[in-house]
Amino acid sequence: MPKGTKVERMYEAMKAEGMDKGKAARIAQAKTGLALATGKPPKQKMKKAEPIKSFMTRRNKKEGKG
């Protein structure tokens, strides 16, 4: 945990007020948008690939689907 970061200062202040570590970490990270471990914003997750569209089968053509 980098010393002096905004998230670390907020975390330490909440711990000093008597809040437990897990709850203080969760709130500090949510309020600042920074990770407690690195002091940087977390990386965004990659988007899932879109599913392959189903092709027209004889059954689907008869029923008017697809």
C-alpha atoms as a PDB file:
ATOM      1  CA  MET A   1       0.000   0.000   0.000  1.00  0.00           C
ATOM      2  CA  PRO A   2       1.662   3.265  -1.121  1.00  0.00           C
ATOM      3  CA  LYS A   3       1.960   5.764   1.711  1.00  0.00           C
ATOM      4  CA  GLY A   4       0.328   9.166   1.436  1.00  0.00           C
ATOM      5  CA  THR A   5      -2.210   8.341  -1.269  1.00  0.00           C
ATOM      6  CA  LYS A   6      -5.701   9.744  -0.956  1.00  0.00           C
ATOM      7  CA  VAL A   7      -7.230   6.306  -0.491  1.00  0.00           C
ATOM      8  CA  GLU A   8      -4.661   5.347   2.176  1.00  0.00           C
ATOM      9  CA  ARG A   9      -5.283   8.527   4.181  1.00  0.00           C
ATOM     10  CA  MET A  10      -9.042   7.975   4.104  1.00  0.00           C
ATOM     11  CA  TYR A  11      -8.603   4.310   5.081  1.00  0.00           C
ATOM     12  CA  GLU A  12      -6.374   5.179   8.047  1.00  0.00           C
ATOM     13  CA  ALA A  13      -8.791   7.889   9.221  1.00  0.00           C
ATOM     14  CA  MET A  14     -11.721   5.473   9.211  1.00  0.00           C
ATOM     15  CA  LYS A  15      -9.701   2.810  11.047  1.00  0.00           C
ATOM     16  CA  ALA A  16      -8.769   5.428  13.671  1.00  0.00           C
ATOM     17  CA  GLU A  17     -12.484   6.120  14.192  1.00  0.00           C
ATOM     18  CA  GLY A  18     -12.953   2.455  15.114  1.00  0.00           C
ATOM     19  CA  MET A  19     -14.243   0.996  11.844  1.00  0.00           C
ATOM     20  CA  ASP A  20     -13.078  -2.518  11.005  1.00  0.00           C
ATOM     21  CA  LYS A  21     -10.437  -2.948   8.266  1.00  0.00           C
ATOM     22  CA  GLY A  22     -12.615  -4.571   5.610  1.00  0.00           C
ATOM     23  CA  LYS A  23     -15.409  -2.047   5.821  1.00  0.00           C
ATOM     24  CA  ALA A  24     -12.950   0.887   5.890  1.00  0.00           C
ATOM     25  CA  ALA A  25     -11.138  -0.448   2.814  1.00  0.00           C
ATOM     26  CA  ARG A  26     -14.371  -0.964   0.884  1.00  0.00           C
ATOM     27  CA  ILE A  27     -15.653   2.554   1.627  1.00  0.00           C
ATOM     28  CA  ALA A  28     -12.296   4.261   0.951  1.00  0.00           C
ATOM     29  CA  GLN A  29     -11.935   2.544  -2.419  1.00  0.00           C
ATOM     30  CA  ALA A  30     -15.527   3.323  -3.416  1.00  0.00           C
ATOM     31  CA  LYS A  31     -15.285   7.020  -2.465  1.00  0.00           C
ATOM     32  CA  THR A  32     -11.902   7.705  -4.107  1.00  0.00           C
ATOM     33  CA  GLY A  33     -12.083   5.330  -7.068  1.00  0.00           C
ATOM     34  CA  LEU A  34      -8.549   4.140  -6.253  1.00  0.00           C
ATOM     35  CA  ALA A  35      -7.302   0.691  -5.277  1.00  0.00           C
ATOM     36  CA  LEU A  36      -5.972   0.494  -1.729  1.00  0.00           C
ATOM     37  CA  ALA A  37      -3.117  -1.834  -2.736  1.00  0.00           C
ATOM     38  CA  THR A  38      -1.716   0.319  -5.579  1.00  0.00           C
ATOM     39  CA  GLY A  39      -3.129   3.825  -5.136  1.00  0.00           C
ATOM     40  CA  LYS A  40      -4.184   3.786  -8.795  1.00  0.00           C
ATOM     41  CA  PRO A  41      -7.594   3.365 -10.441  1.00  0.00           C
ATOM     42  CA  PRO A  42      -8.414  -0.298 -11.122  1.00  0.00           C
ATOM     43  CA  LYS A  43      -8.324  -1.516 -14.714  1.00  0.00           C
ATOM     44  CA  GLN A  44     -11.648  -1.880 -16.486  1.00  0.00           C
ATOM     45  CA  LYS A  45     -12.896  -5.370 -17.272  1.00  0.00           C
ATOM     46  CA  MET A  46     -12.956  -6.428 -20.903  1.00  0.00           C
ATOM     47  CA  LYS A  47     -16.359  -6.680 -22.545  1.00  0.00           C
ATOM     48  CA  LYS A  48     -17.696 -10.109 -23.376  1.00  0.00           C
ATOM     49  CA  ALA A  49     -17.775 -11.068 -27.044  1.00  0.00           C
ATOM     50  CA  GLU A  50     -21.210 -11.073 -28.601  1.00  0.00           C
ATOM     51  CA  PRO A  51     -22.679 -14.537 -29.142  1.00  0.00           C
ATOM     52  CA  ILE A  52     -22.761 -15.935 -32.634  1.00  0.00           C
ATOM     53  CA  LYS A  53     -26.194 -15.526 -34.175  1.00  0.00           C
ATOM     54  CA  SER A  54     -27.938 -18.755 -35.028  1.00  0.00           C
ATOM     55  CA  PHE A  55     -28.186 -19.606 -38.685  1.00  0.00           C
ATOM     56  CA  MET A  56     -31.371 -20.366 -40.510  1.00  0.00           C
ATOM     57  CA  THR A  57     -32.252 -24.034 -40.340  1.00  0.00           C
ATOM     58  CA  ARG A  58     -35.015 -25.701 -42.265  1.00  0.00           C
ATOM     59  CA  ARG A  59     -37.101 -25.856 -39.103  1.00  0.00           C
ATOM     60  CA  ASN A  60     -36.620 -22.138 -38.390  1.00  0.00           C
ATOM     61  CA  LYS A  61     -37.482 -21.236 -41.990  1.00  0.00           C
ATOM     62  CA  LYS A  62     -40.781 -23.152 -41.755  1.00  0.00           C
ATOM     63  CA  GLU A  63     -41.671 -21.507 -38.455  1.00  0.00           C
ATOM     64  CA  GLY A  64     -40.598 -18.048 -39.645  1.00  0.00           C
ATOM     65  CA  LYS A  65     -37.884 -17.606 -37.008  1.00  0.00           C
ATOM     66  CA  GLY A  66     -34.395 -16.245 -37.346  1.00  0.00           C
END
